[in-house]
Protein backbone atom coordinates (compact mmCIF):
# COMPACT_ATOMS: atom_id res chain seq x y z
CA UNK A 1 -181.55 41.33 68.78
CA UNK A 2 -181.35 44.55 69.13
CA UNK A 3 -185.32 45.55 68.67
CA UNK A 4 -185.12 43.75 72.04
CA UNK A 5 -183.23 46.75 73.00
CA UNK A 6 -180.33 44.25 74.07
CA UNK A 7 -177.04 45.82 74.93
CA UNK A 8 -174.18 44.37 74.23
CA UNK A 9 -173.08 42.28 77.25
CA UNK A 10 -177.04 40.67 77.01
CA UNK A 11 -176.41 39.76 73.14
CA UNK A 12 -172.97 38.20 73.98
CA UNK A 13 -175.21 35.94 77.21
CA UNK A 14 -177.94 35.04 75.06
CA UNK A 15 -175.47 34.21 71.90
CA UNK A 16 -172.88 32.04 74.67
CA UNK A 17 -176.78 30.26 76.03
CA UNK A 18 -178.63 29.53 72.40
CA UNK A 19 -175.68 28.78 69.65
CA UNK A 20 -172.67 28.45 72.22
CA UNK A 21 -170.89 31.53 70.46
CA UNK A 22 -167.84 32.49 72.25
CA UNK A 23 -167.54 36.27 71.08
CA UNK A 24 -166.32 39.39 73.55
CA UNK A 25 -168.16 42.67 74.26
CA UNK A 26 -165.63 44.68 72.00
CA UNK A 27 -166.64 42.32 68.53
CA UNK A 28 -170.09 42.98 69.02
CA UNK A 29 -169.91 46.14 69.81
CA UNK A 30 -167.83 46.21 66.17
CA UNK A 31 -170.36 44.32 64.29
CA UNK A 32 -173.12 47.06 66.12
CA UNK A 33 -171.68 50.13 64.47
CA UNK A 34 -169.96 48.71 60.93
CA UNK A 35 -174.31 48.04 60.12
CA UNK A 36 -175.18 51.62 61.57
CA UNK A 37 -176.85 50.07 64.66
CA UNK A 38 -176.93 53.19 67.30
CA UNK A 39 -175.77 51.92 70.56
CA UNK A 40 -178.12 51.44 73.68
CA UNK A 41 -177.92 54.89 75.86
CA UNK A 42 -179.75 54.42 78.68
CA UNK A 43 -180.32 57.77 81.45
CA UNK A 44 -180.74 57.46 84.62
CA UNK A 45 -183.39 59.30 86.75
CA UNK A 46 -182.04 61.94 89.39
CA UNK A 47 -183.65 63.19 92.20
CA UNK A 48 -183.82 66.73 92.59
CA UNK A 49 -184.44 66.98 96.05
CA UNK A 50 -184.58 64.17 99.02
CA UNK A 51 -187.36 63.89 101.43
CA UNK A 52 -186.66 63.32 104.98
CA UNK A 53 -188.33 61.44 107.05
CA UNK A 54 -188.18 62.73 111.24
CA UNK A 55 -190.27 62.77 113.95
CA UNK A 56 -191.65 65.16 116.04
CA UNK A 57 -190.22 63.51 118.88
CA UNK A 58 -187.01 60.91 119.73
CA UNK A 59 -188.06 58.07 120.06
CA UNK A 60 -192.09 57.80 118.73
CA UNK A 61 -190.48 55.49 116.41
CA UNK A 62 -188.17 52.81 116.78
CA UNK A 63 -186.31 49.64 114.73
CA UNK A 64 -186.03 46.57 116.98
CA UNK A 65 -183.70 43.65 115.40
CA UNK A 66 -183.60 40.47 117.43
CA UNK A 67 -180.49 38.10 116.16
CA UNK A 68 -179.65 34.52 117.36
CA UNK A 69 -176.36 34.92 118.44
CA UNK A 70 -175.65 31.26 120.26
CA UNK A 71 -179.13 28.91 122.58
CA UNK A 72 -179.99 31.65 124.25
CA UNK A 73 -178.34 34.09 123.70
CA UNK A 74 -179.89 36.86 121.27
CA UNK A 75 -177.66 40.61 120.58
CA UNK A 76 -181.29 43.11 120.23
CA UNK A 77 -180.08 45.89 117.92
CA UNK A 78 -182.77 49.04 118.19
CA UNK A 79 -182.64 52.24 116.29
CA UNK A 80 -184.67 55.48 116.10
CA UNK A 81 -185.68 56.65 113.45
């Protein structure tokens, strides 16, 4: 299962679904470390800078939402991007 790059949680779910075998994640982790299988390392991509979305003129772009509260009663919401 590690060839498919599955972590302990996914291995636990597949064992339960395929073989109806309930093992804790800690037990699965112990078996993997006993067999010298390195744990999966997930890397998160860190954004260095954010792009601000701004318009030159206020009200140039407006996002509107309509919500029906009751028959004949509507709520209108507008957000100025």
